[in-house]
Amino acid sequence: MKITLDKQATKWFQDEVGVKAGDSVRFFGKYGGSSPIQHGFSLGVELTEPHQPIAEAKEDGITYFVEEIDAWYFDGHDLLVEYDETLQEPKYEYA
């Protein structure tokens, strides 16, 4: 699995969430909501340190990652995080 972020999405995390160099952002599956890859689940985001990551991307000194325990949610898909100009927030796509 691979995680890719565009520069505008990275900037959004810095400006809106307050992440800075040395911080870590975890992507995980959570109960409720919807996603195109898991019925009844959606993507969650939290600031925490990695323990057993299966995928990592580093941008501006910030680590974005998925833990091994969350592999079921991504089901072999890559995660693409792009900035949505209309909504002015990240959008998440799976490849």
PDB file of N, CA and C in Angstrom:
ATOM      1  N   MET A   1       0.845  -1.178   0.000  1.00  0.00           N
ATOM      2  CA  MET A   1       0.000   0.000   0.000  1.00  0.00           C
ATOM      3  C   MET A   1       0.883   1.229   0.000  1.00  0.00           C
ATOM      4  N   LYS A   2       0.369   2.279  -0.617  1.00  0.00           N
ATOM      5  CA  LYS A   2       1.125   3.523  -0.751  1.00  0.00           C
ATOM      6  C   LYS A   2       0.216   4.693  -0.356  1.00  0.00           C
ATOM      7  N   ILE A   3       0.799   5.700   0.290  1.00  0.00           N
ATOM      8  CA  ILE A   3       0.089   6.930   0.631  1.00  0.00           C
ATOM      9  C   ILE A   3       0.729   8.071  -0.159  1.00  0.00           C
ATOM     10  N   THR A   4      -0.107   8.860  -0.829  1.00  0.00           N
ATOM     11  CA  THR A   4       0.373  10.009  -1.581  1.00  0.00           C
ATOM     12  C   THR A   4      -0.450  11.229  -1.190  1.00  0.00           C
ATOM     13  N   LEU A   5       0.216  12.325  -0.888  1.00  0.00           N
ATOM     14  CA  LEU A   5      -0.458  13.592  -0.560  1.00  0.00           C
ATOM     15  C   LEU A   5       0.010  14.668  -1.516  1.00  0.00           C
ATOM     16  N   ASP A   6      -0.925  15.519  -1.961  1.00  0.00           N
ATOM     17  CA  ASP A   6      -0.479  16.656  -2.752  1.00  0.00           C
ATOM     18  C   ASP A   6      -0.088  17.791  -1.801  1.00  0.00           C
ATOM     19  N   LYS A   7       0.628  18.765  -2.323  1.00  0.00           N
ATOM     20  CA  LYS A   7       1.163  19.855  -1.490  1.00  0.00           C
ATOM     21  C   LYS A   7       0.063  20.672  -0.810  1.00  0.00           C
ATOM     22  N   GLN A   8      -1.056  20.884  -1.493  1.00  0.00           N
ATOM     23  CA  GLN A   8      -2.142  21.667  -0.897  1.00  0.00           C
ATOM     24  C   GLN A   8      -2.789  20.923   0.263  1.00  0.00           C
ATOM     25  N   ALA A   9      -2.912  19.597   0.160  1.00  0.00           N
ATOM     26  CA  ALA A   9      -3.470  18.813   1.263  1.00  0.00           C
ATOM     27  C   ALA A   9      -2.530  18.870   2.469  1.00  0.00           C
ATOM     28  N   THR A  10      -1.235  18.767   2.211  1.00  0.00           N
ATOM     29  CA  THR A  10      -0.249  18.862   3.290  1.00  0.00           C
ATOM     30  C   THR A  10      -0.342  20.221   3.972  1.00  0.00           C
ATOM     31  N   LYS A  11      -0.479  21.270   3.178  1.00  0.00           N
ATOM     32  CA  LYS A  11      -0.612  22.621   3.739  1.00  0.00           C
ATOM     33  C   LYS A  11      -1.880  22.739   4.575  1.00  0.00           C
ATOM     34  N   TRP A  12      -2.975  22.118   4.138  1.00  0.00           N
ATOM     35  CA  TRP A  12      -4.225  22.139   4.896  1.00  0.00           C
ATOM     36  C   TRP A  12      -4.022  21.516   6.280  1.00  0.00           C
ATOM     37  N   PHE A  13      -3.353  20.368   6.330  1.00  0.00           N
ATOM     38  CA  PHE A  13      -3.095  19.727   7.624  1.00  0.00           C
ATOM     39  C   PHE A  13      -2.270  20.642   8.527  1.00  0.00           C
ATOM     40  N   GLN A  14      -1.327  21.358   7.967  1.00  0.00           N
ATOM     41  CA  GLN A  14      -0.502  22.267   8.759  1.00  0.00           C
ATOM     42  C   GLN A  14      -1.321  23.463   9.246  1.00  0.00           C
ATOM     43  N   ASP A  15      -2.096  24.067   8.354  1.00  0.00           N
ATOM     44  CA  ASP A  15      -2.851  25.278   8.687  1.00  0.00           C
ATOM     45  C   ASP A  15      -4.081  25.006   9.548  1.00  0.00           C
ATOM     46  N   GLU A  16      -4.832  23.977   9.224  1.00  0.00           N
ATOM     47  CA  GLU A  16      -6.117  23.719   9.886  1.00  0.00           C
ATOM     48  C   GLU A  16      -6.023  22.782  11.079  1.00  0.00           C
ATOM     49  N   VAL A  17      -5.128  21.821  11.015  1.00  0.00           N
ATOM     50  CA  VAL A  17      -4.987  20.851  12.108  1.00  0.00           C
ATOM     51  C   VAL A  17      -3.843  21.251  13.029  1.00  0.00           C
ATOM     52  N   GLY A  18      -2.904  22.014  12.496  1.00  0.00           N
ATOM     53  CA  GLY A  18      -1.788  22.479  13.314  1.00  0.00           C
ATOM     54  C   GLY A  18      -0.624  21.518  13.386  1.00  0.00           C
ATOM     55  N   VAL A  19      -0.554  20.552  12.468  1.00  0.00           N
ATOM     56  CA  VAL A  19       0.585  19.640  12.493  1.00  0.00           C
ATOM     57  C   VAL A  19       1.836  20.370  12.032  1.00  0.00           C
ATOM     58  N   LYS A  20       2.964  19.931  12.573  1.00  0.00           N
ATOM     59  CA  LYS A  20       4.248  20.545  12.243  1.00  0.00           C
ATOM     60  C   LYS A  20       5.305  19.465  12.151  1.00  0.00           C
ATOM     61  N   ALA A  21       6.474  19.822  11.689  1.00  0.00           N
ATOM     62  CA  ALA A  21       7.573  18.863  11.555  1.00  0.00           C
ATOM     63  C   ALA A  21       7.747  18.095  12.857  1.00  0.00           C
ATOM     64  N   GLY A  22       7.869  16.782  12.741  1.00  0.00           N
ATOM     65  CA  GLY A  22       8.011  15.911  13.902  1.00  0.00           C
ATOM     66  C   GLY A  22       6.699  15.252  14.315  1.00  0.00           C
ATOM     67  N   ASP A  23       5.553  15.773  13.830  1.00  0.00           N
ATOM     68  CA  ASP A  23       4.254  15.186  14.151  1.00  0.00           C
ATOM     69  C   ASP A  23       3.947  14.015  13.223  1.00  0.00           C
ATOM     70  N   SER A  24       2.947  13.226  13.619  1.00  0.00           N
ATOM     71  CA  SER A  24       2.514  12.075  12.824  1.00  0.00           C
ATOM     72  C   SER A  24       0.996  12.067  12.728  1.00  0.00           C
ATOM     73  N   VAL A  25       0.490  11.732  11.539  1.00  0.00           N
ATOM     74  CA  VAL A  25      -0.938  11.693  11.259  1.00  0.00           C
ATOM     75  C   VAL A  25      -1.299  10.284  10.809  1.00  0.00           C
ATOM     76  N   ARG A  26      -2.215   9.665  11.538  1.00  0.00           N
ATOM     77  CA  ARG A  26      -2.653   8.296  11.228  1.00  0.00           C
ATOM     78  C   ARG A  26      -3.972   8.332  10.459  1.00  0.00           C
ATOM     79  N   PHE A  27      -4.058   7.531   9.393  1.00  0.00           N
ATOM     80  CA  PHE A  27      -5.299   7.295   8.663  1.00  0.00           C
ATOM     81  C   PHE A  27      -5.785   5.904   9.033  1.00  0.00           C
ATOM     82  N   PHE A  28      -7.078   5.773   9.366  1.00  0.00           N
ATOM     83  CA  PHE A  28      -7.598   4.478   9.805  1.00  0.00           C
ATOM     84  C   PHE A  28      -9.077   4.343   9.446  1.00  0.00           C
ATOM     85  N   GLY A  29      -9.564   3.121   9.479  1.00  0.00           N
ATOM     86  CA  GLY A  29     -10.975   2.862   9.226  1.00  0.00           C
ATOM     87  C   GLY A  29     -11.760   2.963  10.513  1.00  0.00           C
ATOM     88  N   LYS A  30     -12.912   3.635  10.450  1.00  0.00           N
ATOM     89  CA  LYS A  30     -13.749   3.763  11.640  1.00  0.00           C
ATOM     90  C   LYS A  30     -15.190   3.399  11.288  1.00  0.00           C
ATOM     91  N   TYR A  31     -15.915   2.925  12.266  1.00  0.00           N
ATOM     92  CA  TYR A  31     -17.297   2.513  12.079  1.00  0.00           C
ATOM     93  C   TYR A  31     -18.176   3.731  11.814  1.00  0.00           C
ATOM     94  N   GLY A  32     -19.062   3.600  10.844  1.00  0.00           N
ATOM     95  CA  GLY A  32     -19.999   4.666  10.507  1.00  0.00           C
ATOM     96  C   GLY A  32     -19.551   5.438   9.286  1.00  0.00           C
ATOM     97  N   GLY A  33     -20.484   6.135   8.692  1.00  0.00           N
ATOM     98  CA  GLY A  33     -20.179   6.907   7.493  1.00  0.00           C
ATOM     99  C   GLY A  33     -20.191   6.018   6.268  1.00  0.00           C
ATOM    100  N   SER A  34     -19.476   6.459   5.261  1.00  0.00           N
ATOM    101  CA  SER A  34     -19.419   5.672   4.036  1.00  0.00           C
ATOM    102  C   SER A  34     -18.075   5.871   3.356  1.00  0.00           C
ATOM    103  N   SER A  35     -17.716   4.900   2.588  1.00  0.00           N
ATOM    104  CA  SER A  35     -16.511   4.982   1.772  1.00  0.00           C
ATOM    105  C   SER A  35     -16.732   4.085   0.557  1.00  0.00           C
ATOM    106  N   PRO A  36     -15.988   4.322  -0.502  1.00  0.00           N
ATOM    107  CA  PRO A  36     -16.151   3.488  -1.689  1.00  0.00           C
ATOM    108  C   PRO A  36     -15.522   2.097  -1.554  1.00  0.00           C
ATOM    109  N   ILE A  37     -14.773   1.856  -0.461  1.00  0.00           N
ATOM    110  CA  ILE A  37     -14.098   0.555  -0.340  1.00  0.00           C
ATOM    111  C   ILE A  37     -14.607  -0.312   0.808  1.00  0.00           C
ATOM    112  N   GLN A  38     -15.297   0.269   1.799  1.00  0.00           N
ATOM    113  CA  GLN A  38     -15.812  -0.510   2.930  1.00  0.00           C
ATOM    114  C   GLN A  38     -17.197  -0.015   3.308  1.00  0.00           C
ATOM    115  N   HIS A  39     -18.189  -0.823   3.101  1.00  0.00           N
ATOM    116  CA  HIS A  39     -19.564  -0.453   3.432  1.00  0.00           C
ATOM    117  C   HIS A  39     -19.715  -0.277   4.948  1.00  0.00           C
ATOM    118  N   GLY A  40     -20.307   0.849   5.366  1.00  0.00           N
ATOM    119  CA  GLY A  40     -20.567   1.099   6.780  1.00  0.00           C
ATOM    120  C   GLY A  40     -19.387   1.656   7.561  1.00  0.00           C
ATOM    121  N   PHE A  41     -18.296   1.941   6.871  1.00  0.00           N
ATOM    122  CA  PHE A  41     -17.102   2.480   7.518  1.00  0.00           C
ATOM    123  C   PHE A  41     -16.632   3.712   6.745  1.00  0.00           C
ATOM    124  N   SER A  42     -15.839   4.545   7.407  1.00  0.00           N
ATOM    125  CA  SER A  42     -15.271   5.722   6.761  1.00  0.00           C
ATOM    126  C   SER A  42     -13.841   5.920   7.240  1.00  0.00           C
ATOM    127  N   LEU A  43     -13.161   6.854   6.620  1.00  0.00           N
ATOM    128  CA  LEU A  43     -11.766   7.115   6.953  1.00  0.00           C
ATOM    129  C   LEU A  43     -11.677   8.036   8.161  1.00  0.00           C
ATOM    130  N   GLY A  44     -10.873   7.647   9.137  1.00  0.00           N
ATOM    131  CA  GLY A  44     -10.612   8.468  10.301  1.00  0.00           C
ATOM    132  C   GLY A  44      -9.193   9.016  10.239  1.00  0.00           C
ATOM    133  N   VAL A  45      -8.969  10.123  10.936  1.00  0.00           N
ATOM    134  CA  VAL A  45      -7.653  10.761  10.982  1.00  0.00           C
ATOM    135  C   VAL A  45      -7.382  11.133  12.436  1.00  0.00           C
ATOM    136  N   GLU A  46      -6.180  10.823  12.924  1.00  0.00           N
ATOM    137  CA  GLU A  46      -5.800  11.225  14.278  1.00  0.00           C
ATOM    138  C   GLU A  46      -4.307  11.517  14.344  1.00  0.00           C
ATOM    139  N   LEU A  47      -3.945  12.343  15.304  1.00  0.00           N
ATOM    140  CA  LEU A  47      -2.539  12.650  15.540  1.00  0.00           C
ATOM    141  C   LEU A  47      -2.027  11.678  16.590  1.00  0.00           C
ATOM    142  N   THR A  48      -1.100  10.833  16.211  1.00  0.00           N
ATOM    143  CA  THR A  48      -0.518   9.848  17.108  1.00  0.00           C
ATOM    144  C   THR A  48       0.768   9.318  16.491  1.00  0.00           C
ATOM    145  N   GLU A  49       1.573   8.671  17.278  1.00  0.00           N
ATOM    146  CA  GLU A  49       2.829   8.107  16.799  1.00  0.00           C
ATOM    147  C   GLU A  49       2.607   6.733  16.156  1.00  0.00           C
ATOM    148  N   PRO A  50       3.358   6.419  15.107  1.00  0.00           N
ATOM    149  CA  PRO A  50       3.248   5.088  14.498  1.00  0.00           C
ATOM    150  C   PRO A  50       3.854   4.008  15.384  1.00  0.00           C
ATOM    151  N   HIS A  51       3.252   2.816  15.326  1.00  0.00           N
ATOM    152  CA  HIS A  51       3.771   1.668  16.073  1.00  0.00           C
ATOM    153  C   HIS A  51       4.170   0.539  15.131  1.00  0.00           C
ATOM    154  N   GLN A  52       3.247   0.148  14.246  1.00  0.00           N
ATOM    155  CA  GLN A  52       3.530  -0.883  13.249  1.00  0.00           C
ATOM    156  C   GLN A  52       2.957  -0.437  11.902  1.00  0.00           C
ATOM    157  N   PRO A  53       3.547   0.589  11.309  1.00  0.00           N
ATOM    158  CA  PRO A  53       2.995   1.099  10.058  1.00  0.00           C
ATOM    159  C   PRO A  53       3.209   0.143   8.885  1.00  0.00           C
ATOM    160  N   ILE A  54       2.205   0.079   8.012  1.00  0.00           N
ATOM    161  CA  ILE A  54       2.349  -0.686   6.773  1.00  0.00           C
ATOM    162  C   ILE A  54       2.597   0.257   5.596  1.00  0.00           C
ATOM    163  N   ALA A  55       2.342   1.543   5.811  1.00  0.00           N
ATOM    164  CA  ALA A  55       2.596   2.542   4.772  1.00  0.00           C
ATOM    165  C   ALA A  55       2.885   3.875   5.448  1.00  0.00           C
ATOM    166  N   GLU A  56       3.825   4.619   4.866  1.00  0.00           N
ATOM    167  CA  GLU A  56       4.183   5.944   5.383  1.00  0.00           C
ATOM    168  C   GLU A  56       4.499   6.874   4.230  1.00  0.00           C
ATOM    169  N   ALA A  57       4.194   8.136   4.434  1.00  0.00           N
ATOM    170  CA  ALA A  57       4.628   9.193   3.523  1.00  0.00           C
ATOM    171  C   ALA A  57       5.115  10.332   4.401  1.00  0.00           C
ATOM    172  N   LYS A  58       6.223  10.923   4.037  1.00  0.00           N
ATOM    173  CA  LYS A  58       6.760  12.058   4.796  1.00  0.00           C
ATOM    174  C   LYS A  58       6.725  13.296   3.917  1.00  0.00           C
ATOM    175  N   GLU A  59       6.101  14.332   4.440  1.00  0.00           N
ATOM    176  CA  GLU A  59       6.013  15.620   3.747  1.00  0.00           C
ATOM    177  C   GLU A  59       6.292  16.717   4.761  1.00  0.00           C
ATOM    178  N   ASP A  60       7.243  17.575   4.474  1.00  0.00           N
ATOM    179  CA  ASP A  60       7.592  18.699   5.346  1.00  0.00           C
ATOM    180  C   ASP A  60       7.897  18.251   6.778  1.00  0.00           C
ATOM    181  N   GLY A  61       8.517  17.078   6.916  1.00  0.00           N
ATOM    182  CA  GLY A  61       8.887  16.567   8.234  1.00  0.00           C
ATOM    183  C   GLY A  61       7.741  15.936   9.012  1.00  0.00           C
ATOM    184  N   ILE A  62       6.579  15.806   8.387  1.00  0.00           N
ATOM    185  CA  ILE A  62       5.401  15.204   9.020  1.00  0.00           C
ATOM    186  C   ILE A  62       5.218  13.806   8.443  1.00  0.00           C
ATOM    187  N   THR A  63       4.971  12.829   9.309  1.00  0.00           N
ATOM    188  CA  THR A  63       4.755  11.463   8.875  1.00  0.00           C
ATOM    189  C   THR A  63       3.255  11.184   8.799  1.00  0.00           C
ATOM    190  N   TYR A  64       2.790  10.752   7.643  1.00  0.00           N
ATOM    191  CA  TYR A  64       1.406  10.327   7.424  1.00  0.00           C
ATOM    192  C   TYR A  64       1.468   8.815   7.268  1.00  0.00           C
ATOM    193  N   PHE A  65       0.626   8.076   7.988  1.00  0.00           N
ATOM    194  CA  PHE A  65       0.805   6.625   7.993  1.00  0.00           C
ATOM    195  C   PHE A  65      -0.499   5.860   8.200  1.00  0.00           C
ATOM    196  N   VAL A  66      -0.406   4.559   7.905  1.00  0.00           N
ATOM    197  CA  VAL A  66      -1.472   3.591   8.170  1.00  0.00           C
ATOM    198  C   VAL A  66      -0.836   2.468   8.969  1.00  0.00           C
ATOM    199  N   GLU A  67      -1.491   2.078  10.061  1.00  0.00           N
ATOM    200  CA  GLU A  67      -0.998   0.987  10.904  1.00  0.00           C
ATOM    201  C   GLU A  67      -1.399  -0.373  10.322  1.00  0.00           C
ATOM    202  N   GLU A  68      -0.629  -1.373  10.676  1.00  0.00           N
ATOM    203  CA  GLU A  68      -0.919  -2.744  10.253  1.00  0.00           C
ATOM    204  C   GLU A  68      -2.332  -3.169  10.667  1.00  0.00           C
ATOM    205  N   ILE A  69      -2.769  -2.760  11.840  1.00  0.00           N
ATOM    206  CA  ILE A  69      -4.088  -3.123  12.348  1.00  0.00           C
ATOM    207  C   ILE A  69      -5.223  -2.575  11.473  1.00  0.00           C
ATOM    208  N   ASP A  70      -4.929  -1.556  10.656  1.00  0.00           N
ATOM    209  CA  ASP A  70      -5.941  -0.941   9.791  1.00  0.00           C
ATOM    210  C   ASP A  70      -5.882  -1.427   8.343  1.00  0.00           C
ATOM    211  N   ALA A  71      -5.054  -2.418   8.065  1.00  0.00           N
ATOM    212  CA  ALA A  71      -4.912  -2.926   6.697  1.00  0.00           C
ATOM    213  C   ALA A  71      -6.251  -3.425   6.144  1.00  0.00           C
ATOM    214  N   TRP A  72      -7.103  -3.977   6.991  1.00  0.00           N
ATOM    215  CA  TRP A  72      -8.407  -4.497   6.547  1.00  0.00           C
ATOM    216  C   TRP A  72      -9.234  -3.408   5.852  1.00  0.00           C
ATOM    217  N   TYR A  73      -9.179  -2.193   6.376  1.00  0.00           N
ATOM    218  CA  TYR A  73      -9.991  -1.113   5.824  1.00  0.00           C
ATOM    219  C   TYR A  73      -9.552  -0.777   4.391  1.00  0.00           C
ATOM    220  N   PHE A  74      -8.262  -0.696   4.174  1.00  0.00           N
ATOM    221  CA  PHE A  74      -7.738  -0.291   2.871  1.00  0.00           C
ATOM    222  C   PHE A  74      -7.768  -1.429   1.859  1.00  0.00           C
ATOM    223  N   ASP A  75      -7.824  -2.673   2.331  1.00  0.00           N
ATOM    224  CA  ASP A  75      -8.043  -3.845   1.486  1.00  0.00           C
ATOM    225  C   ASP A  75      -7.155  -3.836   0.237  1.00  0.00           C
ATOM    226  N   GLY A  76      -5.879  -3.498   0.426  1.00  0.00           N
ATOM    227  CA  GLY A  76      -4.931  -3.510  -0.681  1.00  0.00           C
ATOM    228  C   GLY A  76      -4.941  -2.271  -1.556  1.00  0.00           C
ATOM    229  N   HIS A  77      -5.747  -1.283  -1.229  1.00  0.00           N
ATOM    230  CA  HIS A  77      -5.803  -0.041  -2.003  1.00  0.00           C
ATOM    231  C   HIS A  77      -4.735   0.943  -1.537  1.00  0.00           C
ATOM    232  N   ASP A  78      -4.290   1.791  -2.457  1.00  0.00           N
ATOM    233  CA  ASP A  78      -3.441   2.920  -2.112  1.00  0.00           C
ATOM    234  C   ASP A  78      -4.345   4.073  -1.699  1.00  0.00           C
ATOM    235  N   LEU A  79      -3.813   5.000  -0.903  1.00  0.00           N
ATOM    236  CA  LEU A  79      -4.561   6.173  -0.463  1.00  0.00           C
ATOM    237  C   LEU A  79      -3.962   7.420  -1.107  1.00  0.00           C
ATOM    238  N   LEU A  80      -4.814   8.179  -1.791  1.00  0.00           N
ATOM    239  CA  LEU A  80      -4.410   9.433  -2.403  1.00  0.00           C
ATOM    240  C   LEU A  80      -5.156  10.559  -1.701  1.00  0.00           C
ATOM    241  N   VAL A  81      -4.414  11.500  -1.105  1.00  0.00           N
ATOM    242  CA  VAL A  81      -5.001  12.630  -0.395  1.00  0.00           C
ATOM    243  C   VAL A  81      -4.719  13.882  -1.222  1.00  0.00           C
ATOM    244  N   GLU A  82      -5.806  14.478  -1.718  1.00  0.00           N
ATOM    245  CA  GLU A  82      -5.702  15.683  -2.531  1.00  0.00           C
ATOM    246  C   GLU A  82      -6.545  16.776  -1.901  1.00  0.00           C
ATOM    247  N   TYR A  83      -6.255  18.016  -2.245  1.00  0.00           N
ATOM    248  CA  TYR A  83      -7.020  19.150  -1.735  1.00  0.00           C
ATOM    249  C   TYR A  83      -8.173  19.446  -2.680  1.00  0.00           C
ATOM    250  N   ASP A  84      -9.383  19.558  -2.114  1.00  0.00           N
ATOM    251  CA  ASP A  84     -10.577  19.891  -2.878  1.00  0.00           C
ATOM    252  C   ASP A  84     -10.776  21.401  -2.825  1.00  0.00           C
ATOM    253  N   GLU A  85     -10.549  22.074  -3.933  1.00  0.00           N
ATOM    254  CA  GLU A  85     -10.653  23.537  -4.004  1.00  0.00           C
ATOM    255  C   GLU A  85     -12.058  24.024  -3.652  1.00  0.00           C
ATOM    256  N   THR A  86     -13.082  23.310  -4.080  1.00  0.00           N
ATOM    257  CA  THR A  86     -14.464  23.723  -3.840  1.00  0.00           C
ATOM    258  C   THR A  86     -14.826  23.648  -2.362  1.00  0.00           C
ATOM    259  N   LEU A  87     -14.505  22.510  -1.721  1.00  0.00           N
ATOM    260  CA  LEU A  87     -14.839  22.314  -0.309  1.00  0.00           C
ATOM    261  C   LEU A  87     -13.785  22.898   0.629  1.00  0.00           C
ATOM    262  N   GLN A  88     -12.629  23.221   0.083  1.00  0.00           N
ATOM    263  CA  GLN A  88     -11.494  23.740   0.847  1.00  0.00           C
ATOM    264  C   GLN A  88     -11.096  22.813   1.987  1.00  0.00           C
ATOM    265  N   GLU A  89     -10.964  21.539   1.639  1.00  0.00           N
ATOM    266  CA  GLU A  89     -10.540  20.497   2.577  1.00  0.00           C
ATOM    267  C   GLU A  89      -9.990  19.322   1.788  1.00  0.00           C
ATOM    268  N   PRO A  90      -9.306  18.401   2.464  1.00  0.00           N
ATOM    269  CA  PRO A  90      -8.788  17.239   1.748  1.00  0.00           C
ATOM    270  C   PRO A  90      -9.908  16.342   1.249  1.00  0.00           C
ATOM    271  N   LYS A  91      -9.635  15.663   0.160  1.00  0.00           N
ATOM    272  CA  LYS A  91     -10.512  14.596  -0.308  1.00  0.00           C
ATOM    273  C   LYS A  91      -9.639  13.346  -0.396  1.00  0.00           C
ATOM    274  N   TYR A  92     -10.252  12.217  -0.178  1.00  0.00           N
ATOM    275  CA  TYR A  92      -9.526  10.957  -0.090  1.00  0.00           C
ATOM    276  C   TYR A  92     -10.001  10.025  -1.196  1.00  0.00           C
ATOM    277  N   GLU A  93      -9.049   9.516  -1.954  1.00  0.00           N
ATOM    278  CA  GLU A  93      -9.361   8.593  -3.034  1.00  0.00           C
ATOM    279  C   GLU A  93      -8.539   7.323  -2.843  1.00  0.00           C
ATOM    280  N   TYR A  94      -9.075   6.240  -3.372  1.00  0.00           N
ATOM    281  CA  TYR A  94      -8.442   4.928  -3.224  1.00  0.00           C
ATOM    282  C   TYR A  94      -8.162   4.356  -4.602  1.00  0.00           C
ATOM    283  N   ALA A  95      -6.955   3.854  -4.796  1.00  0.00           N
ATOM    284  CA  ALA A  95      -6.592   3.289  -6.088  1.00  0.00           C
ATOM    285  C   ALA A  95      -6.164   1.836  -5.918  1.00  0.00           C
TER     286      ALA A  95
END
